[in-house]
Amino acid sequence: MLQRSGRSPAALLIAVLAVVLTACGAPGSGGQDSGGDSATAPFRVGLVHSTTGPLASYGEQYAAGFTAGLDYATGGTGQVNGRKVEVTEADDAGDPAKAVAAATDLIGQGYKVIAGSTASGVALQVAPLADENQVLFISGPAATDAVTGANEYTFRSGRQTYQDVLTAGTIVGDPAGRSVIVFAQDSAFGQANAQAVTAVLGAKGARVTPVLVPAGATDLTPFARQAVDAAPDLLFVAWAGANATQMWQSLQQQGAFEASTVVTGLDIKATYPIFGPAADKIHFLSHFFPGATDNEAYKALEAGLAKQGKEVDLFTNDGFVAAQMVVHALQEGGDDPAVMAKSLEGWTFLGPKGESTIRSADHAVLQPMFTARLTPTADGGFAPQLVDTLPADAVAPPVVPAK
């Protein structure tokens, strides 16, 4: 079970005093449970991610996937090497300051494994904290490339922006001489997409121009008009958050789908209806979607989510894989984060997406990616259909050696 962290100032003071008193206790007491034998004390894992805020739906999927993955990776026992795995959930609301405060609190309590980070801006702030305190950090849905190679203690369980762009590149063919507009939010996620498109497609001869929309913008029409008026050969849309419906409506109203080839990432299932009549005009790159694969891990994810009354969605894979990584790290490293980190480097495993490998040099997750189309269903909705599965080596990002 996930336990939410929500401590009062008084409770935090008591917790701090408890840590101080324990530090002065008898030799031999230690491990992650400072009040007991480290050979039997529970492993404590903190999930710091969005349970509220604009990416709350992403965080909910991640947490559900983590629960399913923990059950799968521990063979239903919830234990590693005979020790229970206790998971505490803390909400960062997509705010880096809140994330750092929550992670700092958990680290102060003796947690040696932190996972989560729904938002890219959050991951970039928690990564150096993990390095400074020498705790294992496994970022979640956050896609910014900067997480890869951040430091020796930082890993990720999902894909990164470069892999998205490489996947998109297979859709557009030869980009030489073509004009490309990157339509995105002016955020860590949006900026990372603009940089990655420039690095990948720009290096192959495309003229790349970003149109970055302020995160707080309420009227998106001027920005959509700017993108359409540029008449690009390719309109690459990178968007995350609650106003995605408004964004797509703005592009449709300005005639974007008639003016350009539109490529975007396939988002969560709840967003499928927002594309409306334009759904079959959009080419989707995909990190993951229901039915993308049918391997053992995928079936375990599907079954584990069903137990929770939930279904497979975009970021359930990231949570499932994070749990697989946590269990492997604890099995090999026990209470030593440095050993945990080393055990993950070069590790190859079967995740819901297929066989994946954590690259030793920079901790990138080399994984399959997909292209898809949305097709109408009998009930008036849409369902994704697999177009192509790209092998991990075809979409591998460049190596960025860990700092």
Protein backbone atom coordinates (compact mmCIF):
# COMPACT_ATOMS: atom_id res chain seq x y z
CA MET A 1 0.00 0.00 0.00
CA LEU A 2 1.09 3.55 -0.67
CA GLN A 3 1.10 5.84 2.35
CA ARG A 4 0.81 9.58 1.84
CA SER A 5 3.28 11.88 3.55
CA GLY A 6 1.54 14.86 5.17
CA ARG A 7 3.21 15.76 8.44
CA SER A 8 2.42 18.65 10.74
CA PRO A 9 5.28 20.87 12.01
CA ALA A 10 5.01 19.16 15.39
CA ALA A 11 5.24 15.74 13.82
CA LEU A 12 8.27 16.80 11.79
CA LEU A 13 9.98 18.06 14.98
CA ILE A 14 9.33 14.73 16.68
CA ALA A 15 10.71 12.92 13.63
CA VAL A 16 13.87 15.05 13.68
CA LEU A 17 14.37 14.41 17.41
CA ALA A 18 13.88 10.70 16.81
CA VAL A 19 16.63 10.72 14.19
CA VAL A 20 18.97 12.58 16.53
CA LEU A 21 18.26 10.21 19.43
CA THR A 22 18.72 7.18 17.21
CA ALA A 23 22.04 8.52 15.98
CA CYS A 24 23.20 8.53 19.59
CA GLY A 25 21.95 5.00 20.21
CA ALA A 26 23.75 1.76 20.56
CA PRO A 27 26.31 0.64 17.98
CA GLY A 28 24.95 -1.83 15.50
CA SER A 29 21.52 -0.26 15.18
CA GLY A 30 21.05 1.00 11.63
CA GLY A 31 19.78 0.14 8.20
CA GLN A 32 16.73 1.84 6.77
CA ASP A 33 14.74 1.18 9.94
CA SER A 34 16.91 2.90 12.53
CA GLY A 35 15.11 1.17 15.37
CA GLY A 36 15.86 -2.40 14.37
CA ASP A 37 18.19 -5.00 12.92
CA SER A 38 19.18 -4.00 9.38
CA ALA A 39 18.92 -7.66 8.33
CA THR A 40 15.16 -7.69 8.99
CA ALA A 41 14.16 -4.02 8.97
CA PRO A 42 11.88 -2.94 6.10
CA PHE A 43 13.30 -1.27 3.03
CA ARG A 44 11.67 2.15 2.84
CA VAL A 45 11.05 3.70 -0.58
CA GLY A 46 9.73 7.21 -1.17
CA LEU A 47 7.59 8.11 -4.20
CA VAL A 48 7.72 11.87 -4.72
CA HIS A 49 5.46 12.76 -7.64
CA SER A 50 2.29 14.62 -8.61
CA THR A 51 -0.91 13.54 -6.88
CA THR A 52 -2.33 17.04 -7.33
CA GLY A 53 -1.56 19.77 -9.84
CA PRO A 54 -1.60 19.82 -13.66
CA LEU A 55 0.06 16.39 -14.02
CA ALA A 56 -1.90 14.60 -11.30
CA SER A 57 -3.36 12.09 -13.77
CA TYR A 58 0.16 11.15 -14.85
CA GLY A 59 1.21 10.69 -11.25
CA GLU A 60 -1.81 8.53 -10.50
CA GLN A 61 -0.95 6.21 -13.38
CA TYR A 62 2.68 6.05 -12.30
CA ALA A 63 1.76 5.09 -8.72
CA ALA A 64 -0.70 2.42 -9.87
CA GLY A 65 1.93 0.97 -12.18
CA PHE A 66 4.47 0.98 -9.34
CA THR A 67 2.12 -1.03 -7.13
CA ALA A 68 1.60 -3.59 -9.91
CA GLY A 69 5.32 -3.72 -10.66
CA LEU A 70 6.28 -4.22 -7.02
CA ASP A 71 3.88 -7.15 -6.77
CA TYR A 72 5.32 -8.67 -9.96
CA ALA A 73 8.98 -8.11 -9.13
CA THR A 74 8.65 -9.57 -5.62
CA GLY A 75 6.58 -12.56 -6.70
CA GLY A 76 3.57 -11.26 -4.78
CA THR A 77 5.40 -11.15 -1.45
CA GLY A 78 6.12 -7.44 -1.22
CA GLN A 79 9.51 -8.45 0.16
CA VAL A 80 13.13 -8.35 -0.99
CA ASN A 81 15.63 -10.72 0.61
CA GLY A 82 13.12 -11.43 3.36
CA ARG A 83 12.58 -7.76 4.16
CA LYS A 84 9.31 -5.94 3.56
CA VAL A 85 9.30 -3.04 1.08
CA GLU A 86 7.42 -0.09 2.57
CA VAL A 87 6.41 2.66 0.15
CA THR A 88 5.55 6.20 1.19
CA GLU A 89 3.95 8.58 -1.29
CA ALA A 90 4.52 12.36 -1.16
CA ASP A 91 2.85 14.95 -3.39
CA ASP A 92 5.03 17.52 -5.16
CA ALA A 93 2.10 19.07 -7.10
CA GLY A 94 4.54 19.55 -9.99
CA ASP A 95 6.44 22.17 -7.96
CA PRO A 96 10.23 21.65 -7.77
CA ALA A 97 10.42 23.40 -4.38
CA LYS A 98 7.79 21.08 -2.92
CA ALA A 99 9.53 18.08 -4.43
CA VAL A 100 12.88 19.04 -2.91
CA ALA A 101 11.23 19.62 0.48
CA ALA A 102 9.47 16.24 0.36
CA ALA A 103 12.58 14.38 -0.78
CA THR A 104 14.69 16.14 1.86
CA ASP A 105 12.20 15.09 4.53
CA LEU A 106 12.30 11.46 3.42
CA ILE A 107 16.10 11.41 3.16
CA GLY A 108 16.28 12.90 6.65
CA GLN A 109 14.17 10.00 7.89
CA GLY A 110 16.68 7.54 6.46
CA TYR A 111 15.09 6.69 3.12
CA LYS A 112 17.77 5.57 0.69
CA VAL A 113 15.60 5.19 -2.40
CA ILE A 114 13.51 7.99 -3.92
CA ALA A 115 11.42 7.46 -7.05
CA GLY A 116 8.89 9.55 -8.92
CA SER A 117 9.21 12.93 -10.65
CA THR A 118 6.23 13.32 -12.93
CA ALA A 119 7.46 16.72 -14.16
CA SER A 120 10.79 17.42 -15.86
CA GLY A 121 11.44 20.55 -13.80
CA VAL A 122 11.05 18.50 -10.64
CA ALA A 123 13.44 15.77 -11.77
CA LEU A 124 16.15 18.32 -12.51
CA GLN A 125 15.98 19.60 -8.92
CA VAL A 126 15.79 16.22 -7.17
CA ALA A 127 18.70 14.70 -9.14
CA PRO A 128 21.43 16.88 -7.55
CA LEU A 129 19.84 16.33 -4.13
CA ALA A 130 20.23 12.59 -4.60
CA ASP A 131 23.87 13.04 -5.58
CA GLU A 132 24.63 15.27 -2.60
CA ASN A 133 23.05 12.82 -0.16
CA GLN A 134 24.15 9.65 -1.97
CA VAL A 135 20.70 8.11 -2.27
CA LEU A 136 19.30 6.24 -5.26
CA PHE A 137 16.93 8.36 -7.36
CA ILE A 138 14.80 6.85 -10.13
CA SER A 139 12.95 9.53 -12.07
CA GLY A 140 9.54 8.63 -13.51
CA PRO A 141 7.54 10.10 -16.41
CA ALA A 142 9.76 13.23 -16.56
CA ALA A 143 11.08 13.18 -20.13
CA THR A 144 13.78 15.85 -20.16
CA ASP A 145 17.05 14.58 -21.62
CA ALA A 146 19.02 16.31 -18.86
CA VAL A 147 18.12 13.55 -16.39
CA THR A 148 20.25 11.14 -18.41
CA GLY A 149 23.87 11.43 -17.30
CA ALA A 150 22.95 13.74 -14.40
CA ASN A 151 25.05 11.86 -11.82
CA GLU A 152 25.94 8.36 -10.65
CA TYR A 153 22.90 8.07 -8.34
CA THR A 154 20.25 9.26 -10.82
CA PHE A 155 18.32 6.94 -13.13
CA ARG A 156 15.02 7.04 -15.01
CA SER A 157 12.27 4.48 -15.60
CA GLY A 158 10.65 6.06 -18.66
CA ARG A 159 11.72 7.34 -22.03
CA GLN A 160 13.42 10.63 -22.74
CA THR A 161 12.66 13.36 -25.26
CA TYR A 162 15.44 12.35 -27.64
CA GLN A 163 13.78 8.96 -28.06
CA ASP A 164 10.47 10.68 -28.84
CA VAL A 165 12.10 12.80 -31.54
CA LEU A 166 14.00 9.90 -33.07
CA THR A 167 10.67 8.06 -33.29
CA ALA A 168 9.05 11.08 -34.94
CA GLY A 169 11.92 11.17 -37.40
CA THR A 170 10.87 7.78 -38.74
CA ILE A 171 7.44 9.23 -39.57
CA VAL A 172 8.58 12.22 -41.63
CA GLY A 173 11.24 10.56 -43.76
CA ASP A 174 14.16 12.62 -45.03
CA PRO A 175 14.00 16.00 -43.21
CA ALA A 176 16.64 17.71 -45.36
CA GLY A 177 15.41 21.09 -46.58
CA ARG A 178 12.11 20.85 -44.73
CA SER A 179 10.74 23.43 -42.33
CA VAL A 180 9.73 22.23 -38.87
CA ILE A 181 7.80 24.08 -36.18
CA VAL A 182 8.00 22.79 -32.61
CA PHE A 183 4.78 23.87 -30.87
CA ALA A 184 5.27 23.44 -27.13
CA GLN A 185 4.91 24.97 -23.70
CA ASP A 186 7.70 27.17 -22.42
CA SER A 187 8.66 24.68 -19.72
CA ALA A 188 11.48 22.24 -19.08
CA PHE A 189 9.53 19.64 -21.05
CA GLY A 190 8.79 21.96 -23.97
CA GLN A 191 12.29 23.39 -24.14
CA ALA A 192 13.77 19.88 -24.07
CA ASN A 193 11.59 18.93 -27.04
CA ALA A 194 12.65 22.01 -29.01
CA GLN A 195 16.30 21.27 -28.29
CA ALA A 196 15.94 17.61 -29.21
CA VAL A 197 14.13 18.32 -32.49
CA THR A 198 16.83 20.83 -33.38
CA ALA A 199 19.56 18.34 -32.49
CA VAL A 200 18.01 15.42 -34.37
CA LEU A 201 16.16 16.85 -37.37
CA GLY A 202 18.19 20.06 -37.57
CA ALA A 203 21.36 18.02 -37.84
CA LYS A 204 19.80 16.28 -40.86
CA GLY A 205 19.15 19.53 -42.70
CA ALA A 206 15.74 20.64 -41.40
CA ARG A 207 15.02 24.27 -40.51
CA VAL A 208 13.66 24.09 -36.97
CA THR A 209 11.78 26.96 -35.34
CA PRO A 210 10.23 26.70 -31.86
CA VAL A 211 6.94 28.34 -30.94
CA LEU A 212 6.98 28.21 -27.15
CA VAL A 213 3.76 29.10 -25.35
CA PRO A 214 3.95 30.60 -21.81
CA ALA A 215 2.73 28.03 -19.29
CA GLY A 216 0.17 30.48 -17.90
CA ALA A 217 -1.29 31.52 -21.26
CA THR A 218 -5.09 31.30 -21.35
CA ASP A 219 -5.60 32.35 -24.97
CA LEU A 220 -3.70 29.97 -27.22
CA THR A 221 -5.12 31.22 -30.51
CA PRO A 222 -2.31 33.71 -31.31
CA PHE A 223 0.29 31.02 -30.86
CA ALA A 224 -1.63 28.51 -32.97
CA ARG A 225 -2.02 31.17 -35.68
CA GLN A 226 1.72 31.86 -35.60
CA ALA A 227 2.49 28.16 -36.11
CA VAL A 228 0.02 27.77 -38.98
CA ASP A 229 1.07 30.98 -40.73
CA ALA A 230 4.64 29.67 -40.88
CA ALA A 231 3.31 26.89 -43.17
CA PRO A 232 5.80 24.26 -41.93
CA ASP A 233 6.26 20.93 -43.66
CA LEU A 234 6.10 19.36 -40.20
CA LEU A 235 4.30 20.64 -37.10
CA PHE A 236 5.75 18.80 -34.10
CA VAL A 237 3.50 19.25 -31.06
CA ALA A 238 4.88 18.61 -27.57
CA TRP A 239 2.31 19.32 -24.88
CA ALA A 240 1.52 18.05 -21.39
CA GLY A 241 -1.10 19.12 -18.89
CA ALA A 242 -4.72 20.01 -18.27
CA ASN A 243 -5.10 22.53 -21.12
CA ALA A 244 -4.28 20.06 -23.89
CA THR A 245 -7.90 20.09 -25.06
CA GLN A 246 -7.80 23.85 -25.49
CA MET A 247 -4.50 23.62 -27.35
CA TRP A 248 -5.76 21.07 -29.88
CA GLN A 249 -8.96 23.01 -30.40
CA SER A 250 -6.91 26.11 -31.16
CA LEU A 251 -4.83 24.26 -33.75
CA GLN A 252 -7.93 22.75 -35.36
CA GLN A 253 -9.68 26.13 -35.52
CA GLN A 254 -6.66 27.67 -37.24
CA GLY A 255 -6.48 24.91 -39.87
CA ALA A 256 -3.24 23.30 -38.76
CA PHE A 257 -4.18 19.83 -39.98
CA GLU A 258 -4.83 21.02 -43.49
CA ALA A 259 -1.67 23.15 -43.62
CA SER A 260 0.97 20.69 -42.34
CA THR A 261 1.86 17.15 -41.41
CA VAL A 262 1.18 17.04 -37.68
CA VAL A 263 3.14 14.71 -35.43
CA THR A 264 2.75 14.45 -31.67
CA GLY A 265 3.18 12.04 -28.83
CA LEU A 266 0.20 9.83 -28.00
CA ASP A 267 -0.98 11.04 -24.60
CA ILE A 268 -3.12 9.33 -21.94
CA LYS A 269 -6.40 7.65 -22.91
CA ALA A 270 -8.50 10.47 -21.49
CA THR A 271 -7.14 12.76 -24.21
CA TYR A 272 -8.12 10.59 -27.18
CA PRO A 273 -11.52 12.29 -27.68
CA ILE A 274 -10.01 15.79 -27.86
CA PHE A 275 -8.65 15.19 -31.35
CA GLY A 276 -12.17 14.82 -32.74
CA PRO A 277 -12.43 14.74 -36.55
CA ALA A 278 -8.68 15.41 -36.83
CA ALA A 279 -7.70 12.20 -35.04
CA ASP A 280 -7.02 10.26 -38.23
CA LYS A 281 -4.96 13.16 -39.64
CA ILE A 282 -2.36 13.02 -36.87
CA HIS A 283 0.70 10.79 -36.82
CA PHE A 284 1.51 9.62 -33.31
CA LEU A 285 4.83 8.66 -31.84
CA SER A 286 4.24 6.60 -28.74
CA HIS A 287 6.10 5.72 -25.60
CA PHE A 288 3.44 3.20 -24.57
CA PHE A 289 -0.27 2.50 -24.98
CA PRO A 290 -2.79 -0.25 -24.18
CA GLY A 291 -2.15 -3.23 -26.42
CA ALA A 292 1.22 -2.04 -27.69
CA THR A 293 2.75 -5.36 -26.59
CA ASP A 294 1.63 -8.71 -25.20
CA ASN A 295 4.59 -10.07 -23.25
CA GLU A 296 4.68 -11.52 -19.73
CA ALA A 297 5.44 -8.20 -18.05
CA TYR A 298 2.65 -6.44 -19.95
CA LYS A 299 0.17 -9.10 -18.86
CA ALA A 300 1.35 -8.70 -15.25
CA LEU A 301 0.89 -4.94 -15.50
CA GLU A 302 -2.61 -5.39 -16.90
CA ALA A 303 -3.57 -7.89 -14.18
CA GLY A 304 -2.00 -5.83 -11.40
CA LEU A 305 -3.89 -2.73 -12.47
CA ALA A 306 -7.15 -4.67 -12.71
CA LYS A 307 -6.76 -5.59 -9.03
CA GLN A 308 -6.74 -1.86 -8.31
CA GLY A 309 -9.73 -1.18 -10.53
CA LYS A 310 -7.50 0.58 -13.08
CA GLU A 311 -6.41 0.08 -16.68
CA VAL A 312 -3.21 0.21 -18.69
CA ASP A 313 -2.34 3.74 -19.78
CA LEU A 314 0.62 5.82 -20.92
CA PHE A 315 2.56 6.12 -17.66
CA THR A 316 1.62 2.88 -15.93
CA ASN A 317 4.67 1.40 -17.66
CA ASP A 318 6.98 3.95 -16.00
CA GLY A 319 5.73 3.02 -12.54
CA PHE A 320 5.96 -0.71 -13.24
CA VAL A 321 9.53 -0.42 -14.52
CA ALA A 322 10.51 1.81 -11.58
CA ALA A 323 9.38 -0.93 -9.21
CA GLN A 324 11.37 -3.52 -11.17
CA MET A 325 14.45 -1.29 -10.89
CA VAL A 326 13.93 -0.69 -7.17
CA VAL A 327 13.56 -4.39 -6.42
CA HIS A 328 16.65 -5.29 -8.45
CA ALA A 329 18.67 -2.54 -6.75
CA LEU A 330 17.61 -3.68 -3.28
CA GLN A 331 18.28 -7.32 -4.08
CA GLU A 332 21.82 -6.54 -5.18
CA GLY A 333 22.68 -3.53 -3.02
CA GLY A 334 20.80 -3.94 0.23
CA ASP A 335 21.18 -0.70 2.20
CA ASP A 336 24.08 0.66 0.14
CA PRO A 337 22.91 3.15 -2.54
CA ALA A 338 26.30 3.09 -4.27
CA VAL A 339 26.04 -0.67 -4.77
CA MET A 340 22.39 -0.30 -5.76
CA ALA A 341 23.36 2.16 -8.48
CA LYS A 342 26.15 -0.04 -9.81
CA SER A 343 23.79 -3.02 -9.95
CA LEU A 344 21.45 -1.14 -12.27
CA GLU A 345 24.16 -0.17 -14.75
CA GLY A 346 24.05 -2.49 -17.73
CA TRP A 347 21.03 -4.37 -16.40
CA THR A 348 18.80 -5.89 -19.09
CA PHE A 349 15.25 -6.87 -18.17
CA LEU A 350 11.82 -7.56 -19.64
CA GLY A 351 9.44 -4.67 -19.05
CA PRO A 352 5.90 -4.17 -20.35
CA LYS A 353 7.34 -2.52 -23.49
CA GLY A 354 9.73 -5.37 -24.17
CA GLU A 355 13.41 -5.97 -23.48
CA SER A 356 15.14 -2.87 -22.10
CA THR A 357 18.67 -2.10 -20.93
CA ILE A 358 19.98 0.56 -18.57
CA ARG A 359 23.03 1.92 -20.33
CA SER A 360 26.05 1.92 -18.04
CA ALA A 361 27.62 5.09 -19.40
CA ASP A 362 24.77 7.48 -18.62
CA HIS A 363 21.79 5.49 -17.29
CA ALA A 364 19.62 6.03 -20.38
CA VAL A 365 16.95 3.35 -20.70
CA LEU A 366 17.38 1.73 -24.11
CA GLN A 367 13.86 0.59 -24.95
CA PRO A 368 11.49 -0.02 -27.86
CA MET A 369 9.31 2.85 -29.09
CA PHE A 370 6.14 2.82 -31.17
CA THR A 371 4.23 4.70 -33.85
CA ALA A 372 0.44 4.58 -33.86
CA ARG A 373 -2.81 5.93 -35.30
CA LEU A 374 -6.10 6.59 -33.54
CA THR A 375 -9.07 4.82 -35.08
CA PRO A 376 -12.79 5.25 -34.31
CA THR A 377 -14.49 2.68 -32.10
CA ALA A 378 -18.07 1.44 -32.15
CA ASP A 379 -18.98 3.51 -29.10
CA GLY A 380 -17.94 6.75 -30.77
CA GLY A 381 -14.52 6.96 -29.14
CA PHE A 382 -11.00 6.22 -30.36
CA ALA A 383 -8.48 3.45 -29.82
CA PRO A 384 -4.78 3.35 -30.69
CA GLN A 385 -3.59 0.99 -33.37
CA LEU A 386 0.05 -0.04 -33.63
CA VAL A 387 1.74 1.10 -36.83
CA ASP A 388 5.33 0.10 -36.09
CA THR A 389 7.58 -1.05 -33.24
CA LEU A 390 11.03 0.52 -33.32
CA PRO A 391 13.83 -1.52 -31.71
CA ALA A 392 15.77 0.04 -28.87
CA ASP A 393 18.94 0.56 -30.89
CA ALA A 394 17.06 2.47 -33.61
CA VAL A 395 15.97 5.16 -31.12
CA ALA A 396 18.95 5.17 -28.74
CA PRO A 397 19.90 8.68 -27.58
CA PRO A 398 23.52 9.83 -27.79
CA VAL A 399 25.69 8.96 -24.81
CA VAL A 400 26.03 11.66 -22.15
CA PRO A 401 28.56 10.30 -19.61
CA ALA A 402 27.38 10.67 -16.02
CA LYS A 403 28.92 13.58 -14.17
